[in-house]
């Protein structure tokens, strides 16, 4: 039978494992990974999905607060802290 359905014994065979292993796992750590990373870089002009908008505002506030704390500890302005984050 050339078009037989796979059984549990054929699907779990070592020969079948390499073909299905690359498809496992998420592409990114979270669905909003790119949105979080752009917010960390200080880019806020990106459209977030409606259901994540409240989280966007909270994330931006928290990141700004972290920059201010880092600036106060290092004697830098928040803009200088953001510039150093972009450098390294």
PDB file of N, CA and C in Angstrom:
ATOM      1  N   UNK A   1       0.832  -1.186   0.000  1.00  0.00           N
ATOM      2  CA  UNK A   1       0.000   0.000   0.000  1.00  0.00           C
ATOM      3  C   UNK A   1       0.878   1.252   0.000  1.00  0.00           C
ATOM      4  N   UNK A   2       0.919   2.011  -1.057  1.00  0.00           N
ATOM      5  CA  UNK A   2       1.799   3.174  -1.093  1.00  0.00           C
ATOM      6  C   UNK A   2       1.321   4.344  -0.237  1.00  0.00           C
ATOM      7  N   UNK A   3       0.027   4.468   0.023  1.00  0.00           N
ATOM      8  CA  UNK A   3      -0.489   5.597   0.791  1.00  0.00           C
ATOM      9  C   UNK A   3      -1.112   5.151   2.101  1.00  0.00           C
ATOM     10  N   UNK A   4      -0.440   4.308   2.828  1.00  0.00           N
ATOM     11  CA  UNK A   4      -1.001   3.839   4.096  1.00  0.00           C
ATOM     12  C   UNK A   4      -0.825   4.906   5.157  1.00  0.00           C
ATOM     13  N   UNK A   5      -1.705   4.906   6.121  1.00  0.00           N
ATOM     14  CA  UNK A   5      -1.631   5.863   7.219  1.00  0.00           C
ATOM     15  C   UNK A   5      -0.524   5.449   8.176  1.00  0.00           C
ATOM     16  N   UNK A   6       0.189   6.388   8.749  1.00  0.00           N
ATOM     17  CA  UNK A   6       1.239   6.019   9.700  1.00  0.00           C
ATOM     18  C   UNK A   6       0.625   5.467  10.980  1.00  0.00           C
ATOM     19  N   UNK A   7       1.269   4.495  11.526  1.00  0.00           N
ATOM     20  CA  UNK A   7       0.832   3.919  12.795  1.00  0.00           C
ATOM     21  C   UNK A   7       1.748   4.421  13.888  1.00  0.00           C
ATOM     22  N   UNK A   8       1.427   4.094  15.108  1.00  0.00           N
ATOM     23  CA  UNK A   8       2.278   4.550  16.217  1.00  0.00           C
ATOM     24  C   UNK A   8       3.657   3.939  16.128  1.00  0.00           C
ATOM     25  N   UNK A   9       3.766   2.743  15.611  1.00  0.00           N
ATOM     26  CA  UNK A   9       5.086   2.118  15.505  1.00  0.00           C
ATOM     27  C   UNK A   9       5.933   2.800  14.430  1.00  0.00           C
ATOM     28  N   UNK A  10       5.322   3.255  13.332  1.00  0.00           N
ATOM     29  CA  UNK A  10       6.114   3.922  12.297  1.00  0.00           C
ATOM     30  C   UNK A  10       6.397   5.374  12.657  1.00  0.00           C
ATOM     31  N   UNK A  11       5.481   6.018  13.364  1.00  0.00           N
ATOM     32  CA  UNK A  11       5.691   7.418  13.728  1.00  0.00           C
ATOM     33  C   UNK A  11       6.761   7.572  14.786  1.00  0.00           C
ATOM     34  N   UNK A  12       6.941   6.571  15.615  1.00  0.00           N
ATOM     35  CA  UNK A  12       7.936   6.678  16.681  1.00  0.00           C
ATOM     36  C   UNK A  12       9.216   5.932  16.352  1.00  0.00           C
ATOM     37  N   UNK A  13       9.353   5.463  15.133  1.00  0.00           N
ATOM     38  CA  UNK A  13      10.568   4.746  14.765  1.00  0.00           C
ATOM     39  C   UNK A  13      11.726   5.723  14.664  1.00  0.00           C
ATOM     40  N   UNK A  14      12.948   5.252  14.890  1.00  0.00           N
ATOM     41  CA  UNK A  14      14.116   6.146  14.803  1.00  0.00           C
ATOM     42  C   UNK A  14      14.272   6.768  13.424  1.00  0.00           C
ATOM     43  N   UNK A  15      13.826   6.057  12.390  1.00  0.00           N
ATOM     44  CA  UNK A  15      13.931   6.588  11.040  1.00  0.00           C
ATOM     45  C   UNK A  15      13.020   7.789  10.834  1.00  0.00           C
ATOM     46  N   UNK A  16      11.894   7.834  11.521  1.00  0.00           N
ATOM     47  CA  UNK A  16      10.951   8.939  11.373  1.00  0.00           C
ATOM     48  C   UNK A  16      11.318  10.142  12.244  1.00  0.00           C
ATOM     49  N   UNK A  17      12.110   9.942  13.261  1.00  0.00           N
ATOM     50  CA  UNK A  17      12.422  11.013  14.209  1.00  0.00           C
ATOM     51  C   UNK A  17      13.100  12.221  13.574  1.00  0.00           C
ATOM     52  N   UNK A  18      14.123  12.067  12.742  1.00  0.00           N
ATOM     53  CA  UNK A  18      14.771  13.263  12.191  1.00  0.00           C
ATOM     54  C   UNK A  18      13.851  14.129  11.343  1.00  0.00           C
ATOM     55  N   UNK A  19      12.862  13.552  10.724  1.00  0.00           N
ATOM     56  CA  UNK A  19      11.983  14.365   9.874  1.00  0.00           C
ATOM     57  C   UNK A  19      11.011  15.202  10.687  1.00  0.00           C
ATOM     58  N   UNK A  20      10.687  14.775  11.906  1.00  0.00           N
ATOM     59  CA  UNK A  20       9.727  15.549  12.692  1.00  0.00           C
ATOM     60  C   UNK A  20      10.399  16.372  13.782  1.00  0.00           C
ATOM     61  N   UNK A  21      11.641  16.117  14.107  1.00  0.00           N
ATOM     62  CA  UNK A  21      12.316  16.845  15.186  1.00  0.00           C
ATOM     63  C   UNK A  21      12.461  18.347  14.902  1.00  0.00           C
ATOM     64  N   UNK A  22      12.807  18.787  13.697  1.00  0.00           N
ATOM     65  CA  UNK A  22      12.954  20.233  13.474  1.00  0.00           C
ATOM     66  C   UNK A  22      11.672  21.029  13.655  1.00  0.00           C
ATOM     67  N   UNK A  23      10.538  20.381  13.555  1.00  0.00           N
ATOM     68  CA  UNK A  23       9.295  21.134  13.678  1.00  0.00           C
ATOM     69  C   UNK A  23       8.854  21.322  15.120  1.00  0.00           C
ATOM     70  N   UNK A  24       9.581  20.794  16.051  1.00  0.00           N
ATOM     71  CA  UNK A  24       9.200  20.923  17.458  1.00  0.00           C
ATOM     72  C   UNK A  24       9.669  22.246  18.034  1.00  0.00           C
ATOM     73  N   UNK A  25       8.907  22.763  18.968  1.00  0.00           N
ATOM     74  CA  UNK A  25       9.306  23.959  19.692  1.00  0.00           C
ATOM     75  C   UNK A  25       8.888  25.231  18.986  1.00  0.00           C
ATOM     76  N   UNK A  26       8.791  26.309  19.744  1.00  0.00           N
ATOM     77  CA  UNK A  26       8.381  27.588  19.171  1.00  0.00           C
ATOM     78  C   UNK A  26       9.509  28.241  18.389  1.00  0.00           C
ATOM     79  N   UNK A  27       9.157  29.077  17.451  1.00  0.00           N
ATOM     80  CA  UNK A  27      10.151  29.814  16.680  1.00  0.00           C
ATOM     81  C   UNK A  27      10.804  30.882  17.549  1.00  0.00           C
ATOM     82  N   UNK A  28      10.002  31.588  18.331  1.00  0.00           N
ATOM     83  CA  UNK A  28      10.486  32.605  19.250  1.00  0.00           C
ATOM     84  C   UNK A  28      10.120  32.195  20.662  1.00  0.00           C
ATOM     85  N   UNK A  29      10.833  32.705  21.673  1.00  0.00           N
ATOM     86  CA  UNK A  29      10.510  32.338  23.053  1.00  0.00           C
ATOM     87  C   UNK A  29       9.057  32.625  23.437  1.00  0.00           C
ATOM     88  N   UNK A  30       8.514  33.737  22.991  1.00  0.00           N
ATOM     89  CA  UNK A  30       7.107  34.055  23.242  1.00  0.00           C
ATOM     90  C   UNK A  30       6.519  34.666  21.992  1.00  0.00           C
ATOM     91  N   UNK A  31       5.211  34.759  21.940  1.00  0.00           N
ATOM     92  CA  UNK A  31       4.559  35.348  20.769  1.00  0.00           C
ATOM     93  C   UNK A  31       4.884  36.823  20.628  1.00  0.00           C
ATOM     94  N   UNK A  32       5.152  37.495  21.711  1.00  0.00           N
ATOM     95  CA  UNK A  32       5.394  38.934  21.662  1.00  0.00           C
ATOM     96  C   UNK A  32       6.880  39.276  21.808  1.00  0.00           C
ATOM     97  N   UNK A  33       7.750  38.328  21.495  1.00  0.00           N
ATOM     98  CA  UNK A  33       9.187  38.530  21.678  1.00  0.00           C
ATOM     99  C   UNK A  33       9.679  39.753  20.906  1.00  0.00           C
ATOM    100  N   UNK A  34       9.299  39.866  19.643  1.00  0.00           N
ATOM    101  CA  UNK A  34       9.780  41.004  18.845  1.00  0.00           C
ATOM    102  C   UNK A  34       9.239  42.319  19.374  1.00  0.00           C
ATOM    103  N   UNK A  35       8.000  42.311  19.873  1.00  0.00           N
ATOM    104  CA  UNK A  35       7.435  43.537  20.433  1.00  0.00           C
ATOM    105  C   UNK A  35       8.195  43.949  21.696  1.00  0.00           C
ATOM    106  N   UNK A  36       8.528  42.987  22.539  1.00  0.00           N
ATOM    107  CA  UNK A  36       9.280  43.286  23.760  1.00  0.00           C
ATOM    108  C   UNK A  36      10.670  43.815  23.433  1.00  0.00           C
ATOM    109  N   UNK A  37      11.332  43.176  22.475  1.00  0.00           N
ATOM    110  CA  UNK A  37      12.680  43.603  22.137  1.00  0.00           C
ATOM    111  C   UNK A  37      12.707  45.005  21.533  1.00  0.00           C
ATOM    112  N   UNK A  38      11.730  45.341  20.706  1.00  0.00           N
ATOM    113  CA  UNK A  38      11.704  46.698  20.161  1.00  0.00           C
ATOM    114  C   UNK A  38      11.420  47.714  21.251  1.00  0.00           C
ATOM    115  N   UNK A  39      10.596  47.351  22.231  1.00  0.00           N
ATOM    116  CA  UNK A  39      10.332  48.260  23.353  1.00  0.00           C
ATOM    117  C   UNK A  39      11.596  48.451  24.179  1.00  0.00           C
ATOM    118  N   UNK A  40      12.380  47.391  24.370  1.00  0.00           N
ATOM    119  CA  UNK A  40      13.638  47.506  25.126  1.00  0.00           C
ATOM    120  C   UNK A  40      14.614  48.444  24.437  1.00  0.00           C
ATOM    121  N   UNK A  41      14.558  48.474  23.106  1.00  0.00           N
ATOM    122  CA  UNK A  41      15.435  49.367  22.357  1.00  0.00           C
ATOM    123  C   UNK A  41      14.944  50.803  22.347  1.00  0.00           C
ATOM    124  N   UNK A  42      13.739  51.018  22.875  1.00  0.00           N
ATOM    125  CA  UNK A  42      13.204  52.363  22.944  1.00  0.00           C
ATOM    126  C   UNK A  42      12.311  52.726  21.775  1.00  0.00           C
ATOM    127  N   UNK A  43      12.053  51.797  20.876  1.00  0.00           N
ATOM    128  CA  UNK A  43      11.190  52.061  19.729  1.00  0.00           C
ATOM    129  C   UNK A  43       9.756  51.769  20.132  1.00  0.00           C
ATOM    130  N   UNK A  44       8.937  52.797  20.235  1.00  0.00           N
ATOM    131  CA  UNK A  44       7.570  52.638  20.731  1.00  0.00           C
ATOM    132  C   UNK A  44       6.511  52.870  19.660  1.00  0.00           C
ATOM    133  N   UNK A  45       6.924  53.208  18.446  1.00  0.00           N
ATOM    134  CA  UNK A  45       5.955  53.513  17.384  1.00  0.00           C
ATOM    135  C   UNK A  45       5.544  52.287  16.579  1.00  0.00           C
ATOM    136  N   UNK A  46       5.501  51.143  17.196  1.00  0.00           N
ATOM    137  CA  UNK A  46       5.082  49.922  16.516  1.00  0.00           C
ATOM    138  C   UNK A  46       3.680  49.557  16.992  1.00  0.00           C
ATOM    139  N   UNK A  47       2.857  49.080  16.101  1.00  0.00           N
ATOM    140  CA  UNK A  47       1.471  48.731  16.453  1.00  0.00           C
ATOM    141  C   UNK A  47       1.433  47.372  17.141  1.00  0.00           C
ATOM    142  N   UNK A  48       0.882  47.343  18.329  1.00  0.00           N
ATOM    143  CA  UNK A  48       0.702  46.096  19.060  1.00  0.00           C
ATOM    144  C   UNK A  48      -0.727  45.619  18.852  1.00  0.00           C
ATOM    145  N   UNK A  49      -0.965  44.316  18.891  1.00  0.00           N
ATOM    146  CA  UNK A  49      -2.348  43.829  18.815  1.00  0.00           C
ATOM    147  C   UNK A  49      -3.182  44.404  19.952  1.00  0.00           C
ATOM    148  N   UNK A  50      -4.448  44.605  19.688  1.00  0.00           N
ATOM    149  CA  UNK A  50      -5.344  45.248  20.652  1.00  0.00           C
ATOM    150  C   UNK A  50      -5.312  44.566  22.024  1.00  0.00           C
ATOM    151  N   UNK A  51      -5.258  43.236  22.049  1.00  0.00           N
ATOM    152  CA  UNK A  51      -5.301  42.531  23.324  1.00  0.00           C
ATOM    153  C   UNK A  51      -4.021  42.709  24.152  1.00  0.00           C
ATOM    154  N   UNK A  52      -2.934  43.173  23.535  1.00  0.00           N
ATOM    155  CA  UNK A  52      -1.675  43.367  24.254  1.00  0.00           C
ATOM    156  C   UNK A  52      -1.392  44.834  24.582  1.00  0.00           C
ATOM    157  N   UNK A  53      -2.294  45.734  24.237  1.00  0.00           N
ATOM    158  CA  UNK A  53      -2.025  47.158  24.384  1.00  0.00           C
ATOM    159  C   UNK A  53      -1.767  47.565  25.833  1.00  0.00           C
ATOM    160  N   UNK A  54      -2.546  47.044  26.780  1.00  0.00           N
ATOM    161  CA  UNK A  54      -2.323  47.390  28.197  1.00  0.00           C
ATOM    162  C   UNK A  54      -0.945  46.915  28.648  1.00  0.00           C
ATOM    163  N   UNK A  55      -0.529  45.747  28.176  1.00  0.00           N
ATOM    164  CA  UNK A  55       0.802  45.242  28.506  1.00  0.00           C
ATOM    165  C   UNK A  55       1.898  46.093  27.905  1.00  0.00           C
ATOM    166  N   UNK A  56       1.645  46.646  26.723  1.00  0.00           N
ATOM    167  CA  UNK A  56       2.615  47.538  26.074  1.00  0.00           C
ATOM    168  C   UNK A  56       2.859  48.766  26.934  1.00  0.00           C
ATOM    169  N   UNK A  57       1.776  49.373  27.406  1.00  0.00           N
ATOM    170  CA  UNK A  57       1.915  50.568  28.237  1.00  0.00           C
ATOM    171  C   UNK A  57       2.662  50.255  29.526  1.00  0.00           C
ATOM    172  N   UNK A  58       2.341  49.137  30.144  1.00  0.00           N
ATOM    173  CA  UNK A  58       3.029  48.750  31.383  1.00  0.00           C
ATOM    174  C   UNK A  58       4.498  48.463  31.125  1.00  0.00           C
ATOM    175  N   UNK A  59       4.800  47.751  30.040  1.00  0.00           N
ATOM    176  CA  UNK A  59       6.191  47.458  29.708  1.00  0.00           C
ATOM    177  C   UNK A  59       6.979  48.739  29.463  1.00  0.00           C
ATOM    178  N   UNK A  60       6.405  49.677  28.730  1.00  0.00           N
ATOM    179  CA  UNK A  60       7.098  50.942  28.476  1.00  0.00           C
ATOM    180  C   UNK A  60       7.352  51.710  29.758  1.00  0.00           C
ATOM    181  N   UNK A  61       6.374  51.726  30.678  1.00  0.00           N
ATOM    182  CA  UNK A  61       6.579  52.397  31.979  1.00  0.00           C
ATOM    183  C   UNK A  61       7.696  51.719  32.772  1.00  0.00           C
ATOM    184  N   UNK A  62       7.673  50.391  32.805  1.00  0.00           N
ATOM    185  CA  UNK A  62       8.691  49.660  33.563  1.00  0.00           C
ATOM    186  C   UNK A  62      10.082  49.860  32.972  1.00  0.00           C
ATOM    187  N   UNK A  63      10.189  49.852  31.660  1.00  0.00           N
ATOM    188  CA  UNK A  63      11.494  50.060  31.026  1.00  0.00           C
ATOM    189  C   UNK A  63      12.009  51.475  31.284  1.00  0.00           C
ATOM    190  N   UNK A  64      11.123  52.448  31.241  1.00  0.00           N
ATOM    191  CA  UNK A  64      11.532  53.827  31.530  1.00  0.00           C
ATOM    192  C   UNK A  64      11.998  53.953  32.972  1.00  0.00           C
ATOM    193  N   UNK A  65      11.291  53.307  33.876  1.00  0.00           N
ATOM    194  CA  UNK A  65      11.686  53.331  35.287  1.00  0.00           C
ATOM    195  C   UNK A  65      13.055  52.684  35.481  1.00  0.00           C
ATOM    196  N   UNK A  66      13.299  51.560  34.801  1.00  0.00           N
ATOM    197  CA  UNK A  66      14.607  50.903  34.885  1.00  0.00           C
ATOM    198  C   UNK A  66      15.710  51.807  34.354  1.00  0.00           C
ATOM    199  N   UNK A  67      15.444  52.503  33.263  1.00  0.00           N
ATOM    200  CA  UNK A  67      16.445  53.432  32.707  1.00  0.00           C
ATOM    201  C   UNK A  67      16.744  54.566  33.680  1.00  0.00           C
ATOM    202  N   UNK A  68      15.699  55.081  34.335  1.00  0.00           N
ATOM    203  CA  UNK A  68      15.904  56.168  35.294  1.00  0.00           C
ATOM    204  C   UNK A  68      16.712  55.694  36.497  1.00  0.00           C
ATOM    205  N   UNK A  69      16.437  54.500  36.973  1.00  0.00           N
ATOM    206  CA  UNK A  69      17.182  53.951  38.108  1.00  0.00           C
ATOM    207  C   UNK A  69      18.639  53.726  37.724  1.00  0.00           C
ATOM    208  N   UNK A  70      18.867  53.174  36.532  1.00  0.00           N
ATOM    209  CA  UNK A  70      20.233  52.951  36.061  1.00  0.00           C
ATOM    210  C   UNK A  70      20.969  54.272  35.872  1.00  0.00           C
ATOM    211  N   UNK A  71      20.252  55.278  35.365  1.00  0.00           N
ATOM    212  CA  UNK A  71      20.870  56.583  35.161  1.00  0.00           C
ATOM    213  C   UNK A  71      21.245  57.223  36.486  1.00  0.00           C
ATOM    214  N   UNK A  72      20.362  57.101  37.464  1.00  0.00           N
ATOM    215  CA  UNK A  72      20.652  57.690  38.777  1.00  0.00           C
ATOM    216  C   UNK A  72      21.855  57.010  39.417  1.00  0.00           C
ATOM    217  N   UNK A  73      21.961  55.692  39.237  1.00  0.00           N
ATOM    218  CA  UNK A  73      23.087  54.955  39.813  1.00  0.00           C
ATOM    219  C   UNK A  73      24.404  55.239  39.126  1.00  0.00           C
ATOM    220  N   UNK A  74      24.355  55.545  37.845  1.00  0.00           N
ATOM    221  CA  UNK A  74      25.580  55.776  37.076  1.00  0.00           C
ATOM    222  C   UNK A  74      25.848  57.255  36.833  1.00  0.00           C
ATOM    223  N   UNK A  75      24.950  58.127  37.265  1.00  0.00           N
ATOM    224  CA  UNK A  75      25.128  59.552  37.034  1.00  0.00           C
ATOM    225  C   UNK A  75      24.880  59.949  35.586  1.00  0.00           C
ATOM    226  N   UNK A  76      24.073  59.175  34.856  1.00  0.00           N
ATOM    227  CA  UNK A  76      23.786  59.453  33.455  1.00  0.00           C
ATOM    228  C   UNK A  76      22.330  59.863  33.285  1.00  0.00           C
ATOM    229  N   UNK A  77      22.047  60.518  32.169  1.00  0.00           N
ATOM    230  CA  UNK A  77      20.655  60.837  31.851  1.00  0.00           C
ATOM    231  C   UNK A  77      19.996  59.582  31.278  1.00  0.00           C
ATOM    232  N   UNK A  78      18.674  59.477  31.322  1.00  0.00           N
ATOM    233  CA  UNK A  78      18.000  58.308  30.734  1.00  0.00           C
ATOM    234  C   UNK A  78      18.318  58.116  29.253  1.00  0.00           C
ATOM    235  N   UNK A  79      18.529  59.210  28.528  1.00  0.00           N
ATOM    236  CA  UNK A  79      18.874  59.105  27.118  1.00  0.00           C
ATOM    237  C   UNK A  79      20.263  58.484  26.934  1.00  0.00           C
ATOM    238  N   UNK A  80      21.188  58.849  27.818  1.00  0.00           N
ATOM    239  CA  UNK A  80      22.539  58.267  27.726  1.00  0.00           C
ATOM    240  C   UNK A  80      22.514  56.781  28.059  1.00  0.00           C
ATOM    241  N   UNK A  81      21.666  56.393  29.030  1.00  0.00           N
ATOM    242  CA  UNK A  81      21.533  54.969  29.367  1.00  0.00           C
ATOM    243  C   UNK A  81      20.965  54.208  28.174  1.00  0.00           C
ATOM    244  N   UNK A  82      19.935  54.766  27.521  1.00  0.00           N
ATOM    245  CA  UNK A  82      19.340  54.112  26.357  1.00  0.00           C
ATOM    246  C   UNK A  82      20.363  53.984  25.216  1.00  0.00           C
ATOM    247  N   UNK A  83      21.185  55.008  25.024  1.00  0.00           N
ATOM    248  CA  UNK A  83      22.201  54.960  23.985  1.00  0.00           C
ATOM    249  C   UNK A  83      23.225  53.874  24.283  1.00  0.00           C
ATOM    250  N   UNK A  84      23.586  53.719  25.537  1.00  0.00           N
ATOM    251  CA  UNK A  84      24.552  52.668  25.898  1.00  0.00           C
ATOM    252  C   UNK A  84      23.935  51.290  25.735  1.00  0.00           C
ATOM    253  N   UNK A  85      22.647  51.140  25.992  1.00  0.00           N
ATOM    254  CA  UNK A  85      21.975  49.864  25.781  1.00  0.00           C
ATOM    255  C   UNK A  85      21.991  49.496  24.303  1.00  0.00           C
ATOM    256  N   UNK A  86      21.849  50.484  23.430  1.00  0.00           N
ATOM    257  CA  UNK A  86      21.868  50.223  21.995  1.00  0.00           C
ATOM    258  C   UNK A  86      23.261  49.835  21.516  1.00  0.00           C
ATOM    259  N   UNK A  87      24.296  50.361  22.169  1.00  0.00           N
ATOM    260  CA  UNK A  87      25.665  50.059  21.770  1.00  0.00           C
ATOM    261  C   UNK A  87      26.035  48.609  22.066  1.00  0.00           C
ATOM    262  N   UNK A  88      25.619  48.117  23.195  1.00  0.00           N
ATOM    263  CA  UNK A  88      26.106  46.803  23.584  1.00  0.00           C
ATOM    264  C   UNK A  88      25.079  45.844  23.848  1.00  0.00           C
TER     265      UNK A  88
END
